[in-house]
C-alpha atoms as a PDB file:
ATOM      1  CA  MET A   1      -5.091  -4.745 -33.478  1.00  0.00           C
ATOM      2  CA  GLU A   2      -1.610  -6.122 -34.112  1.00  0.00           C
ATOM      3  CA  LEU A   3       1.058  -4.599 -31.847  1.00  0.00           C
ATOM      4  CA  LYS A   4       3.099  -3.188 -34.733  1.00  0.00           C
ATOM      5  CA  SER A   5      -0.043  -1.546 -36.183  1.00  0.00           C
ATOM      6  CA  LEU A   6      -0.864  -0.068 -32.784  1.00  0.00           C
ATOM      7  CA  VAL A   7       2.589   1.516 -32.451  1.00  0.00           C
ATOM      8  CA  LYS A   8       2.345   2.775 -36.045  1.00  0.00           C
ATOM      9  CA  LYS A   9      -1.011   4.372 -35.167  1.00  0.00           C
ATOM     10  CA  TRP A  10       0.712   6.130 -32.221  1.00  0.00           C
ATOM     11  CA  PHE A  11       3.309   7.701 -34.532  1.00  0.00           C
ATOM     12  CA  ASP A  12       0.779   8.468 -37.290  1.00  0.00           C
ATOM     13  CA  SER A  13      -1.492  10.229 -34.784  1.00  0.00           C
ATOM     14  CA  TRP A  14       1.386  12.414 -33.613  1.00  0.00           C
ATOM     15  CA  GLU A  15       2.442  13.301 -37.159  1.00  0.00           C
ATOM     16  CA  LYS A  16      -1.148  14.335 -37.951  1.00  0.00           C
ATOM     17  CA  GLY A  17      -1.441  16.310 -34.695  1.00  0.00           C
ATOM     18  CA  ASP A  18      -4.362  14.066 -33.702  1.00  0.00           C
ATOM     19  CA  PHE A  19      -3.421  13.679 -30.030  1.00  0.00           C
ATOM     20  CA  LEU A  20      -7.073  13.363 -28.957  1.00  0.00           C
ATOM     21  CA  ASN A  21      -7.254   9.964 -30.677  1.00  0.00           C
ATOM     22  CA  LEU A  22      -4.007   8.398 -29.481  1.00  0.00           C
ATOM     23  CA  PRO A  23      -4.433   4.633 -28.923  1.00  0.00           C
ATOM     24  CA  ILE A  24      -3.917   4.874 -25.146  1.00  0.00           C
ATOM     25  CA  SER A  25      -5.902   3.444 -22.242  1.00  0.00           C
ATOM     26  CA  GLU A  26      -7.680   5.456 -19.544  1.00  0.00           C
ATOM     27  CA  ASN A  27      -4.943   4.293 -17.127  1.00  0.00           C
ATOM     28  CA  PHE A  28      -2.148   5.325 -19.499  1.00  0.00           C
ATOM     29  CA  ARG A  29       1.179   6.076 -17.806  1.00  0.00           C
ATOM     30  CA  HIS A  30       4.052   7.930 -19.500  1.00  0.00           C
ATOM     31  CA  THR A  31       7.496   8.066 -17.901  1.00  0.00           C
ATOM     32  CA  SER A  32      10.294  10.222 -19.333  1.00  0.00           C
ATOM     33  CA  PRO A  33      13.242  12.276 -18.046  1.00  0.00           C
ATOM     34  CA  PHE A  34      10.634  14.934 -17.163  1.00  0.00           C
ATOM     35  CA  GLY A  35       8.802  12.586 -14.774  1.00  0.00           C
ATOM     36  CA  THR A  36       5.686  10.410 -14.845  1.00  0.00           C
ATOM     37  CA  ILE A  37       2.220  11.356 -16.049  1.00  0.00           C
ATOM     38  CA  ASN A  38      -0.605   9.136 -14.837  1.00  0.00           C
ATOM     39  CA  GLY A  39      -3.876   8.817 -16.709  1.00  0.00           C
ATOM     40  CA  ARG A  40      -5.104   9.560 -20.216  1.00  0.00           C
ATOM     41  CA  LYS A  41      -6.909  12.710 -19.117  1.00  0.00           C
ATOM     42  CA  GLN A  42      -3.812  14.196 -17.470  1.00  0.00           C
ATOM     43  CA  TYR A  43      -1.617  13.288 -20.469  1.00  0.00           C
ATOM     44  CA  ILE A  44      -4.010  14.832 -23.009  1.00  0.00           C
ATOM     45  CA  SER A  45      -4.329  17.966 -20.846  1.00  0.00           C
ATOM     46  CA  LEU A  46      -0.551  18.333 -20.707  1.00  0.00           C
ATOM     47  CA  VAL A  47      -0.304  18.072 -24.501  1.00  0.00           C
ATOM     48  CA  GLU A  48      -3.172  20.563 -24.923  1.00  0.00           C
ATOM     49  CA  GLU A  49      -1.350  23.102 -22.735  1.00  0.00           C
ATOM     50  CA  ASN A  50       1.981  22.570 -24.532  1.00  0.00           C
ATOM     51  CA  LYS A  51       1.052  22.026 -28.181  1.00  0.00           C
ATOM     52  CA  ASP A  52       4.118  23.948 -29.394  1.00  0.00           C
ATOM     53  CA  LYS A  53       6.371  21.392 -27.696  1.00  0.00           C
ATOM     54  CA  PHE A  54       4.397  18.270 -28.655  1.00  0.00           C
ATOM     55  CA  LEU A  55       3.030  18.872 -32.152  1.00  0.00           C
ATOM     56  CA  GLY A  56       4.626  19.377 -35.558  1.00  0.00           C
ATOM     57  CA  TYR A  57       7.076  16.482 -35.424  1.00  0.00           C
ATOM     58  CA  ARG A  58       8.011  13.944 -38.028  1.00  0.00           C
ATOM     59  CA  PHE A  59       9.717  10.726 -37.015  1.00  0.00           C
ATOM     60  CA  GLU A  60      12.596   8.739 -38.451  1.00  0.00           C
ATOM     61  CA  ILE A  61      12.322   5.200 -37.110  1.00  0.00           C
ATOM     62  CA  HIS A  62      15.695   3.477 -36.705  1.00  0.00           C
ATOM     63  CA  ASP A  63      14.945   0.227 -34.846  1.00  0.00           C
ATOM     64  CA  GLU A  64      11.842  -1.675 -33.771  1.00  0.00           C
ATOM     65  CA  ILE A  65      11.508  -4.737 -31.547  1.00  0.00           C
ATOM     66  CA  TYR A  66       8.130  -6.401 -31.006  1.00  0.00           C
ATOM     67  CA  ASN A  67       7.079  -9.022 -28.462  1.00  0.00           C
ATOM     68  CA  LYS A  68       3.635 -10.322 -27.527  1.00  0.00           C
ATOM     69  CA  ASP A  69       2.595  -7.363 -25.369  1.00  0.00           C
ATOM     70  CA  LYS A  70       5.500  -4.917 -25.500  1.00  0.00           C
ATOM     71  CA  ALA A  71       7.655  -3.156 -28.054  1.00  0.00           C
ATOM     72  CA  CYS A  72      10.723  -0.938 -28.186  1.00  0.00           C
ATOM     73  CA  VAL A  73      11.268   1.728 -30.847  1.00  0.00           C
ATOM     74  CA  ARG A  74      14.369   3.873 -31.360  1.00  0.00           C
ATOM     75  CA  TYR A  75      13.710   6.988 -33.417  1.00  0.00           C
ATOM     76  CA  THR A  76      14.625  10.599 -34.093  1.00  0.00           C
ATOM     77  CA  ALA A  77      11.875  13.176 -33.595  1.00  0.00           C
ATOM     78  CA  ILE A  78      12.286  16.200 -35.875  1.00  0.00           C
ATOM     79  CA  GLN A  79      10.491  19.534 -35.413  1.00  0.00           C
ATOM     80  CA  GLY A  80      11.931  22.247 -37.659  1.00  0.00           C
ATOM     81  CA  ASP A  81      15.670  22.403 -36.863  1.00  0.00           C
ATOM     82  CA  PHE A  82      15.205  20.617 -33.496  1.00  0.00           C
ATOM     83  CA  THR A  83      15.982  16.894 -33.277  1.00  0.00           C
ATOM     84  CA  LEU A  84      15.636  14.486 -30.378  1.00  0.00           C
ATOM     85  CA  ASP A  85      16.943  10.907 -30.326  1.00  0.00           C
ATOM     86  CA  VAL A  86      14.572   8.688 -28.339  1.00  0.00           C
ATOM     87  CA  SER A  87      14.177   5.073 -27.288  1.00  0.00           C
ATOM     88  CA  GLU A  88      10.734   4.131 -26.004  1.00  0.00           C
ATOM     89  CA  TRP A  89       9.224   1.001 -24.510  1.00  0.00           C
ATOM     90  CA  TYR A  90       5.513   0.447 -25.170  1.00  0.00           C
ATOM     91  CA  TYR A  91       3.442  -1.828 -22.917  1.00  0.00           C
ATOM     92  CA  ILE A  92       0.107  -2.977 -24.319  1.00  0.00           C
ATOM     93  CA  ARG A  93      -3.095  -4.146 -22.630  1.00  0.00           C
ATOM     94  CA  ASN A  94      -6.471  -4.818 -24.258  1.00  0.00           C
ATOM     95  CA  GLU A  95      -5.239  -3.535 -27.635  1.00  0.00           C
ATOM     96  CA  LEU A  96      -4.289  -0.107 -26.249  1.00  0.00           C
ATOM     97  CA  ILE A  97      -1.022   1.384 -25.070  1.00  0.00           C
ATOM     98  CA  GLU A  98      -1.094   1.147 -21.269  1.00  0.00           C
ATOM     99  CA  GLU A  99       2.382   2.522 -20.580  1.00  0.00           C
ATOM    100  CA  ILE A 100       5.360   4.141 -22.292  1.00  0.00           C
ATOM    101  CA  VAL A 101       8.821   4.521 -20.794  1.00  0.00           C
ATOM    102  CA  ALA A 102      10.885   7.000 -22.828  1.00  0.00           C
ATOM    103  CA  TYR A 103      14.637   7.548 -22.725  1.00  0.00           C
ATOM    104  CA  TYR A 104      16.296  10.674 -24.135  1.00  0.00           C
ATOM    105  CA  HIS A 105      18.730  13.433 -23.204  1.00  0.00           C
ATOM    106  CA  ILE A 106      17.076  16.701 -22.135  1.00  0.00           C
ATOM    107  CA  GLY A 107      19.926  19.080 -21.507  1.00  0.00           C
ATOM    108  CA  GLU A 108      23.584  19.869 -21.275  1.00  0.00           C
ATOM    109  CA  ILE A 109      25.856  17.446 -19.480  1.00  0.00           C
ATOM    110  CA  ARG A 110      27.114  18.865 -16.200  1.00  0.00           C
ATOM    111  CA  ASP A 111      30.887  19.471 -16.183  1.00  0.00           C
ATOM    112  CA  GLU A 112      31.497  16.873 -13.481  1.00  0.00           C
ATOM    113  CA  ARG A 113      29.738  14.224 -15.644  1.00  0.00           C
ATOM    114  CA  LYS A 114      31.638  14.946 -18.888  1.00  0.00           C
ATOM    115  CA  LEU A 115      34.088  12.340 -20.105  1.00  0.00           C
ATOM    116  CA  SER A 116      37.757  13.210 -20.315  1.00  0.00           C
ATOM    117  CA  GLU A 117      39.583  12.786 -23.591  1.00  0.00           C
ATOM    118  CA  PRO A 118      42.194  10.009 -23.465  1.00  0.00           C
ATOM    119  CA  GLN A 119      45.743  11.285 -23.136  1.00  0.00           C
ATOM    120  CA  GLY A 120      48.087   9.992 -25.849  1.00  0.00           C
ATOM    121  CA  ASP A 121      51.504   8.533 -25.002  1.00  0.00           C
ATOM    122  CA  GLU A 122      54.031  11.315 -25.169  1.00  0.00           C
END
């Protein structure tokens, strides 16, 4: 399966709520701001236990980059009035997704990490 078709199948499966048929390997690894999940079985179990947080999304794809065995997609996930801007790297082996590394913001910025507004010349 072509890499772009494989990534499209990933998103289509999520939009249909068909997480049991995601195109992922048995050794699938998913890394996000929440940590790393190792193995298809563990990943599917986590989704099963948290369907309200994983299912019911639609996706607006903004950018896609494809290479021989990896891809990067920047998108907005939308579930009701909740939106999440995400960039994900997909690593492919034997026509399945072997690993995903996801980047997104999961909470408020601590006060000490907030940027200061520039002071104008007075």
